[in-house]
Amino acid sequence: MSDYTGNVKKWAILAILSAALAFGQGSVCQDEPGFRGTTWGMSRTQVLASESAKPSATFEAGREVVVQYNSVPYAGFKGHLLYFFGDGKLVRAKHVIDLPLRDLNQSIGDFKAIDVALQHALGKPFETKNIWSEDADQEELLNYLEQDRATPADLLVSDLFLGQAIQHGHLKLYSVWIGERTRILHGLAGGKGAVTHQIEYRDANYKYEWMVDGVGLEPTTPALRTRCSPN
């Protein structure tokens, strides 16, 4: 249960950004894939039947039931898998990527490599961006960082203290893909010494509430109805 509940706060901001971006116009995936051969609305029994292994854990988180599979890599990177069910139906799922054991700066390289894999599968993202909230860990001022290090592509593993900035919650990386049926958020974020790297797939019609410090946040919007772009 700790793999999920401990990261709710740091992911609320990215979930809200994903929702805000859905109001705009941008490229969406050329051919919207299901998540590991599943489709939204499947029952838990159907989803479990689609996986060859038995789940590692099942637990409740808010109004959702979460099924976890450990040791499930993505694009060659180790991690685990989570399926989320609302009212007995599959509504979202995510890969959570293991973090580098020694140098958190390497998580920048991991993010960029996985983003490339996602772009090969999904096409150009609707948006890809860095969010800088502080410059305390950097030699440059915040306005410089926001302009010259605005996207993950602008960052290098060799840049000083990037891992520390993510760990302190001063830097967040994300890419978003928007389709008629599915929203996809790839993000790297942290806070209070913890860092999470994940790819979340969500049913575009699903609404759920994130609680942050007792305040309800609604990170979803009505589904964006637009054709997939070949871009």
Protein backbone atom coordinates (compact mmCIF):
# COMPACT_ATOMS: atom_id res chain seq x y z
CA MET A 1 0.00 0.00 0.00
CA SER A 2 2.87 2.39 0.67
CA ASP A 3 3.88 2.35 -3.01
CA TYR A 4 0.72 4.29 -3.80
CA THR A 5 -0.56 6.24 -0.84
CA GLY A 6 2.80 7.80 0.00
CA ASN A 7 2.95 9.55 -3.38
CA VAL A 8 -0.52 11.11 -3.60
CA LYS A 9 0.56 14.61 -2.62
CA LYS A 10 3.46 14.98 -5.03
CA TRP A 11 1.37 13.72 -7.96
CA ALA A 12 -1.64 15.95 -7.36
CA ILE A 13 0.04 18.89 -9.09
CA LEU A 14 0.87 16.82 -12.17
CA ALA A 15 -2.65 15.41 -12.31
CA ILE A 16 -4.07 18.93 -12.24
CA LEU A 17 -1.70 19.99 -15.01
CA SER A 18 -2.83 17.04 -17.09
CA ALA A 19 -6.42 18.13 -16.68
CA ALA A 20 -5.67 21.74 -17.56
CA LEU A 21 -3.83 20.72 -20.70
CA ALA A 22 -6.85 18.72 -21.85
CA PHE A 23 -8.71 21.93 -22.61
CA GLY A 24 -6.17 22.93 -25.27
CA GLN A 25 -5.54 21.71 -28.78
CA GLY A 26 -2.48 19.63 -29.55
CA SER A 27 -1.32 16.39 -31.03
CA VAL A 28 -2.79 13.17 -29.76
CA CYS A 29 -1.64 9.63 -30.31
CA GLN A 30 -1.88 8.29 -33.82
CA ASP A 31 -3.36 4.95 -32.78
CA GLU A 32 -4.52 4.87 -29.19
CA PRO A 33 -3.30 1.63 -27.62
CA GLY A 34 -4.86 -0.14 -24.70
CA PHE A 35 -2.83 -0.62 -21.55
CA ARG A 36 -1.11 -4.03 -21.81
CA GLY A 37 -3.96 -5.40 -23.91
CA THR A 38 -6.72 -4.19 -21.59
CA THR A 39 -9.58 -1.80 -22.31
CA TRP A 40 -11.25 0.69 -20.01
CA GLY A 41 -14.27 -0.72 -18.22
CA MET A 42 -12.91 -4.25 -17.88
CA SER A 43 -13.72 -6.05 -14.64
CA ARG A 44 -11.01 -7.03 -12.21
CA THR A 45 -11.47 -10.66 -13.21
CA GLN A 46 -10.90 -9.80 -16.88
CA VAL A 47 -7.79 -7.74 -16.15
CA LEU A 48 -6.27 -10.41 -13.91
CA ALA A 49 -6.90 -12.97 -16.66
CA SER A 50 -4.90 -10.79 -19.08
CA GLU A 51 -1.79 -11.05 -16.87
CA SER A 52 0.19 -14.29 -16.75
CA ALA A 53 1.40 -13.76 -13.16
CA LYS A 54 -0.58 -13.52 -9.96
CA PRO A 55 -0.89 -10.05 -8.39
CA SER A 56 1.58 -9.13 -5.65
CA ALA A 57 -0.98 -7.15 -3.65
CA THR A 58 -4.55 -5.87 -3.70
CA PHE A 59 -5.68 -2.95 -1.54
CA GLU A 60 -8.10 -0.05 -1.35
CA ALA A 61 -7.01 3.57 -1.85
CA GLY A 62 -9.84 6.03 -1.40
CA ARG A 63 -12.70 4.97 -3.64
CA GLU A 64 -10.49 2.80 -5.82
CA VAL A 65 -9.30 -0.77 -5.57
CA VAL A 66 -5.65 -1.16 -6.59
CA VAL A 67 -4.03 -4.33 -7.90
CA GLN A 68 -0.23 -4.35 -7.84
CA TYR A 69 2.24 -6.47 -9.81
CA ASN A 70 5.87 -6.31 -8.74
CA SER A 71 8.91 -6.73 -11.01
CA VAL A 72 7.24 -5.50 -14.22
CA PRO A 73 9.76 -3.58 -16.39
CA TYR A 74 8.91 -0.86 -18.88
CA ALA A 75 11.16 -0.22 -21.90
CA GLY A 76 13.92 -2.13 -20.15
CA PHE A 77 13.63 -0.20 -16.88
CA LYS A 78 12.72 -2.08 -13.70
CA GLY A 79 9.54 -1.17 -11.89
CA HIS A 80 6.10 -2.28 -10.82
CA LEU A 81 2.60 -2.09 -12.23
CA LEU A 82 -0.65 -0.80 -10.73
CA TYR A 83 -4.22 -1.26 -11.97
CA PHE A 84 -6.97 0.99 -10.51
CA PHE A 85 -10.64 0.01 -10.43
CA GLY A 86 -13.58 2.32 -9.75
CA ASP A 87 -16.97 0.74 -9.16
CA GLY A 88 -15.47 -2.58 -10.22
CA LYS A 89 -14.24 -1.32 -13.60
CA LEU A 90 -10.73 -0.56 -14.87
CA VAL A 91 -10.34 3.23 -14.95
CA ARG A 92 -6.58 3.85 -14.89
CA ALA A 93 -3.23 2.11 -14.64
CA LYS A 94 0.40 3.03 -14.20
CA HIS A 95 3.97 1.87 -14.42
CA VAL A 96 6.13 3.05 -11.50
CA ILE A 97 9.81 3.04 -12.46
CA ASP A 98 12.54 2.09 -9.99
CA LEU A 99 14.89 4.95 -9.15
CA PRO A 100 18.71 4.90 -9.51
CA LEU A 101 20.23 3.57 -6.31
CA ARG A 102 23.12 6.04 -6.06
CA ASP A 103 22.87 9.09 -8.32
CA LEU A 104 19.40 10.65 -8.65
CA ASN A 105 20.70 12.69 -11.57
CA GLN A 106 20.51 9.47 -13.56
CA SER A 107 16.73 9.63 -13.23
CA ILE A 108 16.89 12.51 -15.75
CA GLY A 109 18.46 10.15 -18.29
CA ASP A 110 15.90 7.47 -17.45
CA PHE A 111 13.04 9.93 -17.96
CA LYS A 112 14.37 11.07 -21.33
CA ALA A 113 14.92 7.48 -22.54
CA ILE A 114 11.39 6.44 -21.52
CA ASP A 115 9.95 9.58 -23.09
CA VAL A 116 11.58 8.59 -26.38
CA ALA A 117 10.05 5.11 -26.10
CA LEU A 118 6.64 6.65 -25.44
CA GLN A 119 6.97 8.97 -28.42
CA HIS A 120 7.85 6.04 -30.66
CA ALA A 121 4.67 4.30 -29.49
CA LEU A 122 2.31 7.29 -29.20
CA GLY A 123 3.68 10.05 -31.39
CA LYS A 124 4.45 13.62 -30.39
CA PRO A 125 3.20 14.54 -26.90
CA PHE A 126 0.57 17.23 -26.42
CA GLU A 127 2.97 18.94 -24.03
CA THR A 128 6.37 18.24 -22.49
CA LYS A 129 7.72 20.58 -19.86
CA ASN A 130 9.80 21.19 -16.75
CA ILE A 131 8.19 22.92 -13.79
CA TRP A 132 10.67 24.95 -11.75
CA SER A 133 9.37 26.25 -8.42
CA GLU A 134 12.71 27.16 -6.77
CA ASP A 135 16.30 27.91 -7.83
CA ALA A 136 17.82 27.10 -4.43
CA ASP A 137 19.67 24.03 -5.75
CA GLN A 138 20.94 25.72 -8.92
CA GLU A 139 23.57 28.28 -9.83
CA GLU A 140 21.17 30.05 -12.22
CA LEU A 141 18.18 32.20 -11.25
CA LEU A 142 14.62 30.92 -11.58
CA ASN A 143 13.71 33.04 -14.61
CA TYR A 144 16.75 31.67 -16.47
CA LEU A 145 15.82 28.08 -15.57
CA GLU A 146 12.25 28.57 -16.74
CA GLN A 147 13.42 29.86 -20.11
CA ASP A 148 16.61 27.93 -20.90
CA ARG A 149 15.81 24.67 -19.09
CA ALA A 150 12.14 24.61 -19.94
CA THR A 151 11.86 21.02 -21.20
CA PRO A 152 13.42 17.66 -20.28
CA ALA A 153 15.44 17.82 -23.51
CA ASP A 154 17.24 20.87 -22.09
CA LEU A 155 18.55 18.88 -19.11
CA LEU A 156 21.69 16.73 -18.93
CA VAL A 157 22.53 13.97 -16.49
CA SER A 158 25.81 15.80 -15.90
CA ASP A 159 24.06 19.03 -14.82
CA LEU A 160 24.78 19.67 -11.16
CA PHE A 161 22.18 19.04 -8.46
CA LEU A 162 19.22 18.21 -10.72
CA GLY A 163 18.46 15.07 -8.74
CA GLN A 164 18.59 17.11 -5.57
CA ALA A 165 16.21 19.69 -7.05
CA ILE A 166 13.71 16.95 -7.92
CA GLN A 167 14.06 15.37 -4.49
CA HIS A 168 13.30 18.71 -2.81
CA GLY A 169 10.27 19.33 -5.03
CA HIS A 170 11.91 22.25 -6.83
CA LEU A 171 11.82 20.59 -10.27
CA LYS A 172 9.19 18.39 -11.91
CA LEU A 173 9.30 16.86 -15.40
CA TYR A 174 6.28 15.74 -17.37
CA SER A 175 4.95 14.84 -20.81
CA VAL A 176 1.25 14.48 -21.63
CA TRP A 177 -0.54 12.65 -24.45
CA ILE A 178 -4.27 13.21 -24.99
CA GLY A 179 -6.53 10.88 -26.94
CA GLU A 180 -10.24 10.38 -27.37
CA ARG A 181 -10.28 7.46 -24.95
CA THR A 182 -7.04 7.76 -22.98
CA ARG A 183 -4.94 10.40 -21.23
CA ILE A 184 -1.28 9.53 -20.59
CA LEU A 185 0.99 11.35 -18.15
CA HIS A 186 4.71 10.61 -17.88
CA GLY A 187 6.17 12.38 -14.87
CA LEU A 188 9.17 12.63 -12.58
CA ALA A 189 8.51 14.49 -9.33
CA GLY A 190 9.48 14.57 -5.69
CA GLY A 191 9.22 16.29 -2.35
CA LYS A 192 10.37 15.86 1.24
CA GLY A 193 13.20 13.62 0.12
CA ALA A 194 11.08 11.16 -1.90
CA VAL A 195 11.03 10.88 -5.71
CA THR A 196 8.60 9.04 -8.00
CA HIS A 197 8.92 8.26 -11.71
CA GLN A 198 5.74 6.97 -13.33
CA ILE A 199 3.66 6.63 -16.48
CA GLU A 200 -0.07 6.84 -15.84
CA TYR A 201 -2.79 5.86 -18.33
CA ARG A 202 -6.32 7.04 -17.54
CA ASP A 203 -9.77 6.58 -19.04
CA ALA A 204 -10.62 10.00 -20.50
CA ASN A 205 -14.16 9.75 -19.14
CA TYR A 206 -13.14 8.88 -15.59
CA LYS A 207 -13.33 11.41 -12.77
CA TYR A 208 -11.76 10.84 -9.40
CA GLU A 209 -10.85 13.04 -6.47
CA TRP A 210 -7.36 13.55 -5.09
CA MET A 211 -7.13 14.62 -1.46
CA VAL A 212 -4.21 16.89 -0.54
CA ASP A 213 -4.03 18.07 3.05
CA GLY A 214 -7.74 17.48 3.39
CA VAL A 215 -8.65 19.56 0.33
CA GLY A 216 -10.45 17.83 -2.53
CA LEU A 217 -8.92 18.31 -5.97
CA GLU A 218 -10.61 17.26 -9.19
CA PRO A 219 -7.87 16.53 -11.76
CA THR A 220 -10.04 15.40 -14.66
CA THR A 221 -12.17 17.08 -17.29
CA PRO A 222 -14.75 15.88 -19.81
CA ALA A 223 -13.16 13.78 -22.54
CA LEU A 224 -11.50 15.68 -25.34
CA ARG A 225 -13.21 14.65 -28.59
CA THR A 226 -10.80 14.98 -31.44
CA ARG A 227 -9.31 12.67 -34.03
CA CYS A 228 -5.84 11.22 -33.52
CA SER A 229 -3.15 13.19 -35.29
CA PRO A 230 -0.42 11.51 -37.39
CA ASN A 231 2.14 14.01 -36.06
